[in-house]
């Protein structure tokens, strides 16, 4: 993921901006890391240079018996 992209992408949950945690980068390319929403705190993995905007639909699941 290009570092400049952080200025244009928004959280798919609340449409706010991100802060970034970089694990591995080369030049201006983030290869591994995490995007963290500045408003709702949702976290999205950056893997192989690709931000993974997948929302876990089971996180709010409540088990009923």
PDB file of N, CA and C in Angstrom:
ATOM      1  N   UNK A   1       0.842  -1.161   0.000  1.00  0.00           N
ATOM      2  CA  UNK A   1       0.000   0.000   0.000  1.00  0.00           C
ATOM      3  C   UNK A   1       0.895   1.236   0.000  1.00  0.00           C
ATOM      4  N   UNK A   2       0.639   2.140  -0.885  1.00  0.00           N
ATOM      5  CA  UNK A   2       1.393   3.399  -0.941  1.00  0.00           C
ATOM      6  C   UNK A   2       1.066   4.250   0.286  1.00  0.00           C
ATOM      7  N   UNK A   3       2.075   4.858   0.873  1.00  0.00           N
ATOM      8  CA  UNK A   3       1.861   5.661   2.076  1.00  0.00           C
ATOM      9  C   UNK A   3       0.931   6.850   1.826  1.00  0.00           C
ATOM     10  N   UNK A   4       0.922   7.397   0.616  1.00  0.00           N
ATOM     11  CA  UNK A   4       0.043   8.527   0.298  1.00  0.00           C
ATOM     12  C   UNK A   4      -1.429   8.149   0.374  1.00  0.00           C
ATOM     13  N   UNK A   5      -1.730   6.882   0.207  1.00  0.00           N
ATOM     14  CA  UNK A   5      -3.111   6.407   0.207  1.00  0.00           C
ATOM     15  C   UNK A   5      -3.808   6.669   1.538  1.00  0.00           C
ATOM     16  N   UNK A   6      -3.062   6.741   2.621  1.00  0.00           N
ATOM     17  CA  UNK A   6      -3.637   6.970   3.946  1.00  0.00           C
ATOM     18  C   UNK A   6      -4.432   8.278   3.997  1.00  0.00           C
ATOM     19  N   UNK A   7      -4.103   9.230   3.129  1.00  0.00           N
ATOM     20  CA  UNK A   7      -4.797  10.523   3.097  1.00  0.00           C
ATOM     21  C   UNK A   7      -6.167  10.436   2.434  1.00  0.00           C
ATOM     22  N   UNK A   8      -6.400   9.399   1.630  1.00  0.00           N
ATOM     23  CA  UNK A   8      -7.634   9.334   0.849  1.00  0.00           C
ATOM     24  C   UNK A   8      -8.604   8.238   1.273  1.00  0.00           C
ATOM     25  N   UNK A   9      -8.142   7.219   1.967  1.00  0.00           N
ATOM     26  CA  UNK A   9      -9.044   6.133   2.349  1.00  0.00           C
ATOM     27  C   UNK A   9      -9.748   6.451   3.666  1.00  0.00           C
ATOM     28  N   UNK A  10     -10.945   5.884   3.834  1.00  0.00           N
ATOM     29  CA  UNK A  10     -11.718   6.084   5.062  1.00  0.00           C
ATOM     30  C   UNK A  10     -12.210   4.741   5.588  1.00  0.00           C
ATOM     31  N   UNK A  11     -12.534   4.721   6.846  1.00  0.00           N
ATOM     32  CA  UNK A  11     -13.029   3.521   7.509  1.00  0.00           C
ATOM     33  C   UNK A  11     -14.378   3.109   6.908  1.00  0.00           C
ATOM     34  N   UNK A  12     -14.543   1.840   6.518  1.00  0.00           N
ATOM     35  CA  UNK A  12     -15.823   1.390   5.972  1.00  0.00           C
ATOM     36  C   UNK A  12     -16.925   1.316   7.035  1.00  0.00           C
ATOM     37  N   UNK A  13     -16.558   1.376   8.296  1.00  0.00           N
ATOM     38  CA  UNK A  13     -17.540   1.319   9.375  1.00  0.00           C
ATOM     39  C   UNK A  13     -18.128   2.693   9.684  1.00  0.00           C
ATOM     40  N   UNK A  14     -17.266   3.732   9.774  1.00  0.00           N
ATOM     41  CA  UNK A  14     -17.762   5.048  10.207  1.00  0.00           C
ATOM     42  C   UNK A  14     -17.312   6.212   9.324  1.00  0.00           C
ATOM     43  N   UNK A  15     -16.557   5.941   8.271  1.00  0.00           N
ATOM     44  CA  UNK A  15     -16.101   6.944   7.296  1.00  0.00           C
ATOM     45  C   UNK A  15     -15.091   7.951   7.856  1.00  0.00           C
ATOM     46  N   UNK A  16     -14.382   7.592   8.923  1.00  0.00           N
ATOM     47  CA  UNK A  16     -13.337   8.458   9.480  1.00  0.00           C
ATOM     48  C   UNK A  16     -11.974   8.062   8.929  1.00  0.00           C
ATOM     49  N   UNK A  17     -10.966   8.842   9.261  1.00  0.00           N
ATOM     50  CA  UNK A  17      -9.607   8.576   8.803  1.00  0.00           C
ATOM     51  C   UNK A  17      -8.912   7.500   9.627  1.00  0.00           C
ATOM     52  N   UNK A  18      -7.683   7.203   9.229  1.00  0.00           N
ATOM     53  CA  UNK A  18      -6.912   6.148   9.879  1.00  0.00           C
ATOM     54  C   UNK A  18      -5.592   6.668  10.420  1.00  0.00           C
ATOM     55  N   UNK A  19      -5.100   6.007  11.453  1.00  0.00           N
ATOM     56  CA  UNK A  19      -3.689   6.085  11.807  1.00  0.00           C
ATOM     57  C   UNK A  19      -3.121   4.738  11.379  1.00  0.00           C
ATOM     58  N   UNK A  20      -1.831   4.668  11.230  1.00  0.00           N
ATOM     59  CA  UNK A  20      -1.237   3.464  10.661  1.00  0.00           C
ATOM     60  C   UNK A  20      -0.142   2.919  11.563  1.00  0.00           C
ATOM     61  N   UNK A  21      -0.104   1.614  11.676  1.00  0.00           N
ATOM     62  CA  UNK A  21       0.961   0.924  12.410  1.00  0.00           C
ATOM     63  C   UNK A  21       1.713   0.084  11.368  1.00  0.00           C
ATOM     64  N   UNK A  22       2.971   0.412  11.137  1.00  0.00           N
ATOM     65  CA  UNK A  22       3.767  -0.251  10.103  1.00  0.00           C
ATOM     66  C   UNK A  22       4.635  -1.335  10.724  1.00  0.00           C
ATOM     67  N   UNK A  23       4.514  -2.553  10.183  1.00  0.00           N
ATOM     68  CA  UNK A  23       5.382  -3.653  10.612  1.00  0.00           C
ATOM     69  C   UNK A  23       6.555  -3.822   9.653  1.00  0.00           C
ATOM     70  N   UNK A  24       6.273  -3.640   8.342  1.00  0.00           N
ATOM     71  CA  UNK A  24       7.335  -3.767   7.338  1.00  0.00           C
ATOM     72  C   UNK A  24       7.006  -2.852   6.157  1.00  0.00           C
ATOM     73  N   UNK A  25       8.004  -2.098   5.731  1.00  0.00           N
ATOM     74  CA  UNK A  25       7.829  -1.191   4.597  1.00  0.00           C
ATOM     75  C   UNK A  25       9.093  -1.164   3.762  1.00  0.00           C
ATOM     76  N   UNK A  26       8.922  -0.805   2.501  1.00  0.00           N
ATOM     77  CA  UNK A  26      10.040  -0.638   1.578  1.00  0.00           C
ATOM     78  C   UNK A  26       9.777   0.633   0.781  1.00  0.00           C
ATOM     79  N   UNK A  27      10.700   1.578   0.886  1.00  0.00           N
ATOM     80  CA  UNK A  27      10.556   2.901   0.254  1.00  0.00           C
ATOM     81  C   UNK A  27       9.247   3.531   0.722  1.00  0.00           C
ATOM     82  N   UNK A  28       8.343   3.888  -0.187  1.00  0.00           N
ATOM     83  CA  UNK A  28       7.064   4.481   0.216  1.00  0.00           C
ATOM     84  C   UNK A  28       5.915   3.474   0.126  1.00  0.00           C
ATOM     85  N   UNK A  29       6.238   2.205   0.253  1.00  0.00           N
ATOM     86  CA  UNK A  29       5.260   1.119   0.150  1.00  0.00           C
ATOM     87  C   UNK A  29       5.179   0.363   1.480  1.00  0.00           C
ATOM     88  N   UNK A  30       3.987   0.313   2.056  1.00  0.00           N
ATOM     89  CA  UNK A  30       3.770  -0.435   3.297  1.00  0.00           C
ATOM     90  C   UNK A  30       3.411  -1.866   2.918  1.00  0.00           C
ATOM     91  N   UNK A  31       4.227  -2.819   3.330  1.00  0.00           N
ATOM     92  CA  UNK A  31       4.005  -4.218   2.977  1.00  0.00           C
ATOM     93  C   UNK A  31       3.167  -4.955   4.022  1.00  0.00           C
ATOM     94  N   UNK A  32       3.442  -4.678   5.291  1.00  0.00           N
ATOM     95  CA  UNK A  32       2.711  -5.321   6.382  1.00  0.00           C
ATOM     96  C   UNK A  32       2.423  -4.277   7.450  1.00  0.00           C
ATOM     97  N   UNK A  33       1.229  -4.338   8.016  1.00  0.00           N
ATOM     98  CA  UNK A  33       0.890  -3.406   9.078  1.00  0.00           C
ATOM     99  C   UNK A  33      -0.585  -3.445   9.403  1.00  0.00           C
ATOM    100  N   UNK A  34      -1.055  -2.323   9.931  1.00  0.00           N
ATOM    101  CA  UNK A  34      -2.440  -2.264  10.370  1.00  0.00           C
ATOM    102  C   UNK A  34      -2.955  -0.834  10.252  1.00  0.00           C
ATOM    103  N   UNK A  35      -4.183  -0.696   9.764  1.00  0.00           N
ATOM    104  CA  UNK A  35      -4.875   0.584   9.741  1.00  0.00           C
ATOM    105  C   UNK A  35      -5.812   0.605  10.941  1.00  0.00           C
ATOM    106  N   UNK A  36      -5.788   1.686  11.706  1.00  0.00           N
ATOM    107  CA  UNK A  36      -6.627   1.799  12.891  1.00  0.00           C
ATOM    108  C   UNK A  36      -7.462   3.068  12.759  1.00  0.00           C
ATOM    109  N   UNK A  37      -8.781   2.909  12.799  1.00  0.00           N
ATOM    110  CA  UNK A  37      -9.679   4.050  12.656  1.00  0.00           C
ATOM    111  C   UNK A  37      -9.510   4.997  13.839  1.00  0.00           C
ATOM    112  N   UNK A  38      -9.416   6.292  13.534  1.00  0.00           N
ATOM    113  CA  UNK A  38      -9.223   7.294  14.581  1.00  0.00           C
ATOM    114  C   UNK A  38     -10.502   7.573  15.368  1.00  0.00           C
ATOM    115  N   UNK A  39     -11.653   7.142  14.844  1.00  0.00           N
ATOM    116  CA  UNK A  39     -12.919   7.402  15.539  1.00  0.00           C
ATOM    117  C   UNK A  39     -13.463   6.158  16.240  1.00  0.00           C
ATOM    118  N   UNK A  40     -13.704   5.085  15.483  1.00  0.00           N
ATOM    119  CA  UNK A  40     -14.356   3.903  16.071  1.00  0.00           C
ATOM    120  C   UNK A  40     -13.367   2.845  16.555  1.00  0.00           C
ATOM    121  N   UNK A  41     -12.084   2.973  16.172  1.00  0.00           N
ATOM    122  CA  UNK A  41     -11.069   2.026  16.633  1.00  0.00           C
ATOM    123  C   UNK A  41     -11.008   0.724  15.858  1.00  0.00           C
ATOM    124  N   UNK A  42     -11.830   0.581  14.821  1.00  0.00           N
ATOM    125  CA  UNK A  42     -11.805  -0.638  13.993  1.00  0.00           C
ATOM    126  C   UNK A  42     -10.404  -0.806  13.411  1.00  0.00           C
ATOM    127  N   UNK A  43      -9.942  -2.052  13.329  1.00  0.00           N
ATOM    128  CA  UNK A  43      -8.594  -2.341  12.833  1.00  0.00           C
ATOM    129  C   UNK A  43      -8.674  -3.187  11.570  1.00  0.00           C
ATOM    130  N   UNK A  44      -7.816  -2.846  10.606  1.00  0.00           N
ATOM    131  CA  UNK A  44      -7.760  -3.552   9.336  1.00  0.00           C
ATOM    132  C   UNK A  44      -6.309  -3.871   9.013  1.00  0.00           C
ATOM    133  N   UNK A  45      -6.068  -5.113   8.655  1.00  0.00           N
ATOM    134  CA  UNK A  45      -4.722  -5.610   8.378  1.00  0.00           C
ATOM    135  C   UNK A  45      -4.249  -5.148   6.998  1.00  0.00           C
ATOM    136  N   UNK A  46      -2.960  -4.848   6.903  1.00  0.00           N
ATOM    137  CA  UNK A  46      -2.301  -4.634   5.612  1.00  0.00           C
ATOM    138  C   UNK A  46      -1.409  -5.851   5.417  1.00  0.00           C
ATOM    139  N   UNK A  47      -1.676  -6.611   4.387  1.00  0.00           N
ATOM    140  CA  UNK A  47      -0.942  -7.851   4.138  1.00  0.00           C
ATOM    141  C   UNK A  47      -0.544  -7.923   2.670  1.00  0.00           C
ATOM    142  N   UNK A  48       0.739  -8.145   2.420  1.00  0.00           N
ATOM    143  CA  UNK A  48       1.219  -8.191   1.043  1.00  0.00           C
ATOM    144  C   UNK A  48       1.023  -6.877   0.316  1.00  0.00           C
ATOM    145  N   UNK A  49       1.009  -5.771   1.076  1.00  0.00           N
ATOM    146  CA  UNK A  49       0.831  -4.454   0.476  1.00  0.00           C
ATOM    147  C   UNK A  49      -0.616  -4.085   0.204  1.00  0.00           C
ATOM    148  N   UNK A  50      -1.558  -4.935   0.612  1.00  0.00           N
ATOM    149  CA  UNK A  50      -2.976  -4.708   0.334  1.00  0.00           C
ATOM    150  C   UNK A  50      -3.744  -4.504   1.635  1.00  0.00           C
ATOM    151  N   UNK A  51      -4.453  -3.366   1.773  1.00  0.00           N
ATOM    152  CA  UNK A  51      -5.294  -3.190   2.955  1.00  0.00           C
ATOM    153  C   UNK A  51      -6.512  -4.112   2.850  1.00  0.00           C
ATOM    154  N   UNK A  52      -6.785  -4.842   3.915  1.00  0.00           N
ATOM    155  CA  UNK A  52      -7.887  -5.824   3.936  1.00  0.00           C
ATOM    156  C   UNK A  52      -9.069  -5.224   4.693  1.00  0.00           C
ATOM    157  N   UNK A  53      -9.995  -4.628   3.950  1.00  0.00           N
ATOM    158  CA  UNK A  53     -11.156  -3.988   4.562  1.00  0.00           C
ATOM    159  C   UNK A  53     -12.289  -4.987   4.743  1.00  0.00           C
ATOM    160  N   UNK A  54     -12.036  -5.977   5.571  1.00  0.00           N
ATOM    161  CA  UNK A  54     -13.038  -7.000   5.855  1.00  0.00           C
ATOM    162  C   UNK A  54     -13.526  -6.765   7.277  1.00  0.00           C
ATOM    163  N   UNK A  55     -14.836  -6.610   7.411  1.00  0.00           N
ATOM    164  CA  UNK A  55     -15.430  -6.407   8.726  1.00  0.00           C
ATOM    165  C   UNK A  55     -15.913  -7.755   9.235  1.00  0.00           C
ATOM    166  N   UNK A  56     -15.537  -8.098  10.460  1.00  0.00           N
ATOM    167  CA  UNK A  56     -15.930  -9.367  11.066  1.00  0.00           C
ATOM    168  C   UNK A  56     -17.399  -9.290  11.454  1.00  0.00           C
ATOM    169  N   UNK A  57     -18.262  -9.931  10.674  1.00  0.00           N
ATOM    170  CA  UNK A  57     -19.701  -9.876  10.927  1.00  0.00           C
ATOM    171  C   UNK A  57     -20.108 -10.670  12.158  1.00  0.00           C
ATOM    172  N   UNK A  58     -19.218 -11.483  12.693  1.00  0.00           N
ATOM    173  CA  UNK A  58     -19.563 -12.284  13.870  1.00  0.00           C
ATOM    174  C   UNK A  58     -19.208 -11.588  15.176  1.00  0.00           C
ATOM    175  N   UNK A  59     -18.544 -10.455  15.138  1.00  0.00           N
ATOM    176  CA  UNK A  59     -18.091  -9.829  16.383  1.00  0.00           C
ATOM    177  C   UNK A  59     -19.236  -9.353  17.265  1.00  0.00           C
ATOM    178  N   UNK A  60     -20.376  -9.014  16.670  1.00  0.00           N
ATOM    179  CA  UNK A  60     -21.528  -8.565  17.450  1.00  0.00           C
ATOM    180  C   UNK A  60     -22.548  -9.676  17.673  1.00  0.00           C
ATOM    181  N   UNK A  61     -22.193 -10.886  17.285  1.00  0.00           N
ATOM    182  CA  UNK A  61     -23.090 -12.020  17.418  1.00  0.00           C
ATOM    183  C   UNK A  61     -23.270 -12.365  18.890  1.00  0.00           C
ATOM    184  N   UNK A  62     -24.527 -12.517  19.281  1.00  0.00           N
ATOM    185  CA  UNK A  62     -24.836 -12.885  20.659  1.00  0.00           C
ATOM    186  C   UNK A  62     -25.474 -14.258  20.638  1.00  0.00           C
ATOM    187  N   UNK A  63     -24.911 -15.158  21.395  1.00  0.00           N
ATOM    188  CA  UNK A  63     -25.429 -16.522  21.446  1.00  0.00           C
ATOM    189  C   UNK A  63     -26.643 -16.564  22.365  1.00  0.00           C
ATOM    190  N   UNK A  64     -27.718 -17.144  21.871  1.00  0.00           N
ATOM    191  CA  UNK A  64     -28.921 -17.315  22.686  1.00  0.00           C
ATOM    192  C   UNK A  64     -29.240 -18.789  22.786  1.00  0.00           C
ATOM    193  N   UNK A  65     -29.723 -19.182  23.936  1.00  0.00           N
ATOM    194  CA  UNK A  65     -30.065 -20.598  24.137  1.00  0.00           C
ATOM    195  C   UNK A  65     -31.500 -20.726  24.552  1.00  0.00           C
TER     196      UNK A  65
END
